[in-house]
Amino acid sequence: MDKPSTTCDHPISLLRTSVDVNTGEVGSRVFEKDCGTRLASRCAHCAEVYRRDAIEIIRAGLRTDDNRQIPFTFLTLTAPGADVFGAIHQRTVRHRRKGGEFVQRCRCGDYHAEGDAAIGTPIDDKTYRYDLAAEFNAASSRLLTVTMQKLGRIVGRKLRYVRVAEFQSRGLIHFHILVSGIITDASFHSAVRGGRNLRTGRMIHPAEHQGWSWGPQCDIKRVLPGGRIGVGAYLVKVVNYAAKSTGDSAQGVPQLGKRMEWAAGRRCKCEEGIRCRRGSRIIPGTDLVYQSQPSRRLCRKHSLARRGWGFRGHTLSISRAWGPLNFKIVRERRRTYARNASPDLSQEVTWRVLAAWEVRAGILTT
């Protein structure tokens, strides 16, 4: 398995304390551990390792036992538009009938150039519904689950899929999904918009959760073995979205992130985002119970507000039935390869017992 040439930007220094059970001698050794983040903005090395692991897992689910390509469907589900949240600055490229293309005028009356920092920001910041945007992000993960369950009932089989959440420049979530097998346009739009199930003849209600439904720009594409569009292009697109940072799309407009954070955590009743918790524990070997000291922990809603602007799901999610590999298997393979390639790690003394680990420097990230 290939190993990136670079090293971790923020390694974690761990002190391992061990004891010799025969002599009672205590020894210590320092290990350097990668931070393990998936965010390319934090550590390019660990994000590249995560990206390669994800590609290997996804590719394994798109192959049969005899290494033949499985056809799959690429779905895109987007958030509602300006009629719900408010108008934003956008750059829309249209194609002329006789060839060529042109940039459509924005609602603000100007023509935005490519890469303009105003793209994705509200035209009227005072009337834009940041609270509704945060609520949609919070409900989007469950809304996707409801949609995929409905789609599975329509096609008559349990779906195997990989989905990735991407943050648009306006701070809203939309999803890209790889579904193993072929999904027809009629089945997809019936699950999203409602209609009649052609297989059973029953009427289908649109996918909905807590009053939220998908926006108008939902797309479906089918990828066949030997087709014009290669499989690798979709794999790279999906995994690259998963390796991006949540706030990368709005780095040029920090006020958008701050307002989304405020909107996502506004309903929390805890004081300043800190929640005190007490825990009771049983003393080992006895029936005595003692009350531990209160611990001041960051409220989950405030933590998610900072990281995901209300979104509570994982950026990359792979169904259990997708394929023979998962992150646990792939990472164990990589550890085995590293131990075999490094004599210092492979030749561990069996009569030493691990006593304790201590983080000397660095921050554990996810």
Protein backbone atom coordinates (compact mmCIF):
# COMPACT_ATOMS: atom_id res chain seq x y z
CA MET A 1 0.00 0.00 0.00
CA ASP A 2 1.40 3.37 -1.04
CA LYS A 3 2.47 5.76 1.64
CA PRO A 4 2.43 9.56 1.16
CA SER A 5 5.88 11.09 0.95
CA THR A 6 5.08 13.94 3.37
CA THR A 7 4.71 13.73 7.13
CA CYS A 8 2.04 14.88 9.53
CA ASP A 9 1.91 18.64 10.05
CA HIS A 10 0.75 18.34 13.69
CA PRO A 11 2.06 15.05 15.13
CA ILE A 12 1.06 13.94 18.61
CA SER A 13 3.85 12.99 20.99
CA LEU A 14 2.86 10.02 23.17
CA LEU A 15 4.80 8.76 26.19
CA ARG A 16 4.40 5.02 26.81
CA THR A 17 5.24 3.81 30.29
CA SER A 18 5.80 0.05 30.64
CA VAL A 19 6.84 -2.24 33.45
CA ASP A 20 8.88 -5.43 33.50
CA VAL A 21 6.74 -7.97 35.34
CA ASN A 22 9.82 -10.05 36.25
CA THR A 23 12.07 -7.38 37.75
CA GLY A 24 9.65 -4.51 38.36
CA GLU A 25 11.79 -2.19 36.22
CA VAL A 26 9.83 0.73 34.77
CA GLY A 27 10.73 2.02 31.33
CA SER A 28 9.39 4.71 29.06
CA ARG A 29 9.43 5.41 25.35
CA VAL A 30 8.18 8.29 23.21
CA PHE A 31 6.15 7.65 20.06
CA GLU A 32 5.08 10.13 17.38
CA LYS A 33 1.51 9.60 16.20
CA ASP A 34 -0.17 11.26 13.23
CA CYS A 35 -3.05 13.59 14.11
CA GLY A 36 -5.40 11.53 11.91
CA THR A 37 -7.62 14.37 10.71
CA ARG A 38 -9.52 14.11 7.43
CA LEU A 39 -9.51 17.89 6.84
CA ALA A 40 -7.04 19.02 4.20
CA SER A 41 -6.97 22.52 5.71
CA ARG A 42 -5.53 21.11 8.97
CA CYS A 43 -3.08 18.48 7.74
CA ALA A 44 -2.40 17.65 4.09
CA HIS A 45 -0.63 14.38 4.93
CA CYS A 46 -3.39 12.85 7.07
CA ALA A 47 -6.08 14.08 4.68
CA GLU A 48 -4.28 12.32 1.83
CA VAL A 49 -4.11 9.09 3.85
CA TYR A 50 -7.83 9.37 4.57
CA ARG A 51 -8.56 10.04 0.90
CA ARG A 52 -6.65 6.95 -0.25
CA ASP A 53 -8.37 4.77 2.34
CA ALA A 54 -11.78 6.03 1.24
CA ILE A 55 -11.03 5.45 -2.44
CA GLU A 56 -9.94 1.89 -1.72
CA ILE A 57 -13.14 1.19 0.25
CA ILE A 58 -15.44 2.72 -2.36
CA ARG A 59 -13.69 1.02 -5.27
CA ALA A 60 -13.95 -2.37 -3.55
CA GLY A 61 -17.74 -1.98 -3.41
CA LEU A 62 -17.94 -1.29 -7.14
CA ARG A 63 -16.25 -4.56 -8.12
CA THR A 64 -17.57 -8.11 -8.21
CA ASP A 65 -15.66 -11.11 -6.84
CA ASP A 66 -14.19 -11.75 -10.31
CA ASN A 67 -13.08 -8.07 -10.53
CA ARG A 68 -15.75 -6.87 -12.93
CA GLN A 69 -17.11 -3.32 -12.80
CA ILE A 70 -20.57 -2.89 -11.26
CA PRO A 71 -22.82 -0.21 -12.82
CA PHE A 72 -23.84 2.50 -10.38
CA THR A 73 -25.95 5.64 -10.16
CA PHE A 74 -24.73 9.07 -9.06
CA LEU A 75 -27.37 11.15 -7.25
CA THR A 76 -27.26 14.80 -6.17
CA LEU A 77 -29.71 16.25 -3.63
CA THR A 78 -29.68 19.97 -2.92
CA ALA A 79 -31.19 22.38 -0.40
CA PRO A 80 -34.22 24.62 -1.10
CA GLY A 81 -33.62 27.88 -2.88
CA ALA A 82 -33.97 31.61 -2.39
CA ASP A 83 -37.72 31.44 -1.85
CA VAL A 84 -37.07 29.80 1.54
CA PHE A 85 -33.84 31.35 2.84
CA GLY A 86 -33.38 34.51 0.79
CA ALA A 87 -31.56 35.65 -2.33
CA ILE A 88 -27.78 35.31 -2.61
CA HIS A 89 -25.12 36.56 -4.98
CA GLN A 90 -24.49 33.97 -7.68
CA ARG A 91 -22.73 33.53 -10.99
CA THR A 92 -24.76 31.53 -13.51
CA VAL A 93 -23.29 30.56 -16.88
CA ARG A 94 -25.80 29.97 -19.69
CA HIS A 95 -25.20 28.35 -23.08
CA ARG A 96 -26.36 29.97 -26.31
CA ARG A 97 -28.34 28.00 -28.85
CA LYS A 98 -25.87 28.81 -31.63
CA GLY A 99 -22.85 28.01 -29.49
CA GLY A 100 -20.87 29.84 -26.88
CA GLU A 101 -21.84 30.87 -23.37
CA PHE A 102 -22.60 33.98 -21.37
CA VAL A 103 -22.84 35.00 -17.71
CA GLN A 104 -26.32 35.79 -16.44
CA ARG A 105 -26.92 38.96 -14.46
CA CYS A 106 -27.18 38.42 -10.69
CA ARG A 107 -30.24 39.51 -8.73
CA CYS A 108 -28.17 42.33 -7.27
CA GLY A 109 -27.87 43.80 -10.78
CA ASP A 110 -24.14 43.11 -11.32
CA TYR A 111 -22.16 40.48 -13.22
CA HIS A 112 -19.90 38.49 -10.89
CA ALA A 113 -16.51 37.28 -12.06
CA GLU A 114 -15.33 33.76 -11.36
CA GLY A 115 -13.89 33.55 -7.85
CA ASP A 116 -15.67 36.68 -6.60
CA ALA A 117 -15.80 36.62 -2.78
CA ALA A 118 -19.40 37.85 -2.82
CA ILE A 119 -20.69 34.68 -4.53
CA GLY A 120 -22.81 32.67 -2.08
CA THR A 121 -23.32 35.52 0.39
CA PRO A 122 -26.80 37.00 1.01
CA ILE A 123 -27.85 40.03 -0.99
CA ASP A 124 -29.68 41.40 2.05
CA ASP A 125 -27.87 40.22 5.16
CA LYS A 126 -30.60 41.56 7.50
CA THR A 127 -33.43 39.52 5.95
CA TYR A 128 -31.55 36.31 5.13
CA ARG A 129 -32.90 33.41 7.23
CA TYR A 130 -29.77 32.07 8.91
CA ASP A 131 -31.97 30.34 11.47
CA LEU A 132 -33.77 28.34 8.77
CA ALA A 133 -30.46 27.51 7.11
CA ALA A 134 -29.12 26.05 10.35
CA GLU A 135 -32.36 24.12 10.89
CA PHE A 136 -32.15 22.60 7.41
CA ASN A 137 -28.54 21.54 8.01
CA ALA A 138 -29.61 19.87 11.24
CA ALA A 139 -32.47 18.00 9.53
CA SER A 140 -30.66 17.18 6.28
CA SER A 141 -28.99 13.97 7.49
CA ARG A 142 -32.27 12.41 8.60
CA LEU A 143 -34.00 13.73 5.46
CA LEU A 144 -31.46 11.87 3.34
CA THR A 145 -32.03 8.66 5.31
CA VAL A 146 -35.79 8.95 4.76
CA THR A 147 -35.24 9.56 1.04
CA MET A 148 -32.96 6.54 0.59
CA GLN A 149 -35.35 4.29 2.51
CA LYS A 150 -38.24 5.47 0.32
CA LEU A 151 -36.16 4.95 -2.83
CA GLY A 152 -35.26 1.43 -1.70
CA ARG A 153 -38.94 0.56 -1.25
CA ILE A 154 -39.72 1.93 -4.71
CA VAL A 155 -37.06 -0.12 -6.50
CA GLY A 156 -37.78 -3.18 -4.34
CA ARG A 157 -34.32 -3.80 -2.87
CA LYS A 158 -32.05 -2.63 -0.09
CA LEU A 159 -29.74 0.02 -1.45
CA ARG A 160 -25.98 -0.09 -1.05
CA TYR A 161 -24.66 3.44 -1.22
CA VAL A 162 -21.95 5.91 -0.27
CA ARG A 163 -22.93 9.48 0.47
CA VAL A 164 -20.88 12.60 1.07
CA ALA A 165 -22.08 15.95 2.42
CA GLU A 166 -20.77 19.12 0.79
CA PHE A 167 -21.16 22.64 2.10
CA GLN A 168 -22.16 25.16 -0.53
CA SER A 169 -20.81 28.70 -0.49
CA ARG A 170 -24.11 29.85 1.07
CA GLY A 171 -23.50 27.53 4.04
CA LEU A 172 -26.17 24.95 3.17
CA ILE A 173 -25.72 21.21 2.81
CA HIS A 174 -26.18 19.18 -0.33
CA PHE A 175 -25.39 15.50 -0.85
CA HIS A 176 -23.68 13.41 -3.49
CA ILE A 177 -24.58 9.70 -3.40
CA LEU A 178 -23.10 6.69 -5.20
CA VAL A 179 -25.71 3.92 -5.37
CA SER A 180 -24.72 0.43 -6.48
CA GLY A 181 -26.89 -0.62 -9.42
CA ILE A 182 -29.16 1.28 -11.78
CA ILE A 183 -31.84 3.70 -10.54
CA THR A 184 -34.32 5.04 -13.09
CA ASP A 185 -35.30 8.69 -13.34
CA ALA A 186 -38.93 7.86 -12.53
CA SER A 187 -37.98 6.04 -9.31
CA PHE A 188 -35.65 8.81 -8.18
CA HIS A 189 -38.07 11.67 -8.81
CA SER A 190 -40.94 9.71 -7.25
CA ALA A 191 -38.94 9.33 -4.03
CA VAL A 192 -37.96 13.02 -3.99
CA ARG A 193 -41.08 14.74 -5.35
CA GLY A 194 -43.75 12.08 -4.93
CA GLY A 195 -45.84 10.33 -7.57
CA ARG A 196 -47.00 6.86 -8.46
CA ASN A 197 -44.88 3.74 -8.00
CA LEU A 198 -44.82 2.07 -11.42
CA ARG A 199 -43.92 -1.27 -9.86
CA THR A 200 -46.80 -1.46 -7.35
CA GLY A 201 -49.16 1.26 -8.56
CA ARG A 202 -49.33 2.93 -5.12
CA MET A 203 -49.14 6.69 -4.61
CA ILE A 204 -45.94 7.99 -3.01
CA HIS A 205 -45.62 11.07 -0.83
CA PRO A 206 -42.57 13.33 -1.29
CA ALA A 207 -39.60 12.76 1.01
CA GLU A 208 -40.01 15.01 4.04
CA HIS A 209 -38.62 15.40 7.55
CA GLN A 210 -39.68 18.01 10.10
CA GLY A 211 -41.31 20.02 7.32
CA TRP A 212 -38.17 20.06 5.15
CA SER A 213 -37.88 18.68 1.61
CA TRP A 214 -35.25 18.88 -1.12
CA GLY A 215 -34.68 21.81 -3.44
CA PRO A 216 -35.44 21.92 -7.17
CA GLN A 217 -31.92 21.14 -8.41
CA CYS A 218 -31.73 17.37 -7.89
CA ASP A 219 -29.78 15.36 -10.46
CA ILE A 220 -29.29 11.72 -11.43
CA LYS A 221 -26.63 10.14 -13.65
CA ARG A 222 -25.96 6.49 -14.47
CA VAL A 223 -22.45 5.16 -14.98
CA LEU A 224 -22.10 1.94 -16.99
CA PRO A 225 -18.94 -0.18 -17.46
CA GLY A 226 -17.09 1.07 -20.51
CA GLY A 227 -19.21 4.21 -20.68
CA ARG A 228 -18.16 7.66 -21.84
CA ILE A 229 -17.70 8.98 -18.27
CA GLY A 230 -15.11 7.11 -16.25
CA VAL A 231 -15.71 5.67 -12.80
CA GLY A 232 -12.60 7.31 -11.38
CA ALA A 233 -13.95 10.81 -11.96
CA TYR A 234 -16.89 10.20 -9.63
CA LEU A 235 -14.73 8.52 -6.98
CA VAL A 236 -12.32 11.45 -6.89
CA LYS A 237 -15.21 13.94 -6.78
CA VAL A 238 -16.91 12.22 -3.85
CA VAL A 239 -13.75 11.67 -1.79
CA ASN A 240 -12.36 15.15 -2.40
CA TYR A 241 -15.57 16.63 -1.00
CA ALA A 242 -15.15 14.45 2.10
CA ALA A 243 -11.56 15.62 2.63
CA LYS A 244 -12.45 19.32 2.53
CA SER A 245 -12.92 21.41 5.62
CA THR A 246 -16.44 22.45 6.60
CA GLY A 247 -15.72 26.14 6.39
CA ASP A 248 -13.42 26.13 3.37
CA SER A 249 -16.19 27.33 1.07
CA ALA A 250 -16.83 30.43 3.20
CA GLN A 251 -13.30 31.35 4.23
CA GLY A 252 -13.54 34.62 2.29
CA VAL A 253 -16.74 35.65 4.08
CA PRO A 254 -16.17 35.02 7.84
CA GLN A 255 -19.39 36.81 8.77
CA LEU A 256 -21.35 33.99 7.11
CA GLY A 257 -19.72 31.40 9.36
CA LYS A 258 -20.29 33.48 12.49
CA ARG A 259 -23.97 34.00 11.74
CA MET A 260 -24.46 30.32 10.96
CA GLU A 261 -22.77 29.38 14.24
CA TRP A 262 -25.06 31.73 16.14
CA ALA A 263 -28.16 30.39 14.37
CA ALA A 264 -27.22 26.75 14.99
CA GLY A 265 -26.66 27.24 18.73
CA ARG A 266 -29.37 29.79 19.47
CA ARG A 267 -31.89 27.25 20.81
CA CYS A 268 -29.51 25.76 23.34
CA LYS A 269 -30.42 26.67 26.93
CA CYS A 270 -27.04 25.96 28.51
CA GLU A 271 -25.00 28.89 29.76
CA GLU A 272 -22.37 30.12 27.29
CA GLY A 273 -22.20 26.73 25.61
CA ILE A 274 -20.77 25.00 28.72
CA ARG A 275 -22.74 22.20 30.34
CA CYS A 276 -21.83 20.83 33.78
CA ARG A 277 -22.24 17.10 34.26
CA ARG A 278 -21.88 14.90 37.30
CA GLY A 279 -21.17 11.20 37.20
CA SER A 280 -21.43 8.45 39.80
CA ARG A 281 -19.01 5.54 39.80
CA ILE A 282 -18.77 2.20 41.62
CA ILE A 283 -15.53 1.52 43.49
CA PRO A 284 -14.03 -1.70 42.02
CA GLY A 285 -14.37 -4.71 44.32
CA THR A 286 -16.97 -3.06 46.58
CA ASP A 287 -20.60 -2.04 46.57
CA LEU A 288 -19.74 1.58 47.39
CA VAL A 289 -20.81 4.37 45.02
CA TYR A 290 -19.17 7.77 45.07
CA GLN A 291 -20.11 11.02 43.38
CA SER A 292 -17.45 12.45 41.11
CA GLN A 293 -16.70 16.15 40.75
CA PRO A 294 -18.69 18.07 38.11
CA SER A 295 -16.99 18.31 34.74
CA ARG A 296 -17.51 21.32 32.52
CA ARG A 297 -17.98 19.97 29.01
CA LEU A 298 -18.65 21.87 25.83
CA CYS A 299 -22.29 21.53 24.79
CA ARG A 300 -22.72 19.31 21.73
CA LYS A 301 -24.99 21.82 19.98
CA HIS A 302 -22.38 24.57 20.31
CA SER A 303 -19.61 22.23 19.17
CA LEU A 304 -21.60 21.20 16.10
CA ALA A 305 -22.49 24.82 15.43
CA ARG A 306 -18.82 25.72 15.14
CA ARG A 307 -17.83 22.69 13.06
CA GLY A 308 -20.87 21.99 10.92
CA TRP A 309 -23.18 25.02 11.10
CA GLY A 310 -25.92 22.79 12.52
CA PHE A 311 -25.11 19.66 10.50
CA ARG A 312 -24.85 16.66 12.87
CA GLY A 313 -23.93 13.85 10.48
CA HIS A 314 -20.65 12.48 9.16
CA THR A 315 -19.23 14.07 6.03
CA LEU A 316 -18.59 10.66 4.44
CA SER A 317 -20.90 7.76 5.23
CA ILE A 318 -20.71 4.24 3.76
CA SER A 319 -23.50 1.69 4.21
CA ARG A 320 -22.54 -1.53 5.96
CA ALA A 321 -23.47 -3.70 2.98
CA TRP A 322 -21.42 -1.61 0.54
CA GLY A 323 -18.45 -3.92 0.10
CA PRO A 324 -15.87 -6.21 1.72
CA LEU A 325 -13.77 -3.35 3.13
CA ASN A 326 -14.29 -0.70 5.78
CA PHE A 327 -12.04 1.84 7.48
CA LYS A 328 -11.16 -0.57 10.28
CA ILE A 329 -9.87 -3.23 7.88
CA VAL A 330 -7.98 -0.76 5.68
CA ARG A 331 -6.30 0.97 8.62
CA GLU A 332 -5.29 -2.35 10.16
CA ARG A 333 -3.68 -3.33 6.86
CA ARG A 334 -1.74 -0.10 6.87
CA ARG A 335 -0.58 -0.65 10.45
CA THR A 336 0.54 -4.19 9.60
CA TYR A 337 2.48 -2.87 6.62
CA ALA A 338 4.13 -0.21 8.80
CA ARG A 339 5.12 -2.78 11.46
CA ASN A 340 6.63 -5.09 8.87
CA ALA A 341 8.53 -2.21 7.26
CA SER A 342 9.88 -0.93 10.59
CA PRO A 343 11.99 -3.42 12.62
CA ASP A 344 11.78 -1.23 15.74
CA LEU A 345 7.99 -1.55 15.84
CA SER A 346 7.78 -5.22 14.83
CA GLN A 347 10.24 -6.53 17.45
CA GLU A 348 8.29 -5.78 20.63
CA VAL A 349 9.35 -7.46 23.86
CA THR A 350 6.55 -9.82 24.91
CA TRP A 351 7.27 -9.69 28.64
CA ARG A 352 6.67 -5.97 28.90
CA VAL A 353 3.20 -4.92 30.02
CA LEU A 354 1.72 -1.59 29.00
CA ALA A 355 1.14 0.60 32.02
CA ALA A 356 -0.03 3.99 30.75
CA TRP A 357 -0.12 6.41 27.81
CA GLU A 358 0.34 10.14 28.14
CA VAL A 359 -0.10 12.86 25.54
CA ARG A 360 2.97 15.06 25.78
CA ALA A 361 2.27 17.40 22.84
CA GLY A 362 -0.30 17.78 20.12
CA ILE A 363 -4.09 17.70 19.89
CA LEU A 364 -6.18 14.71 18.93
CA THR A 365 -8.42 15.66 16.00
CA THR A 366 -11.14 13.99 13.96
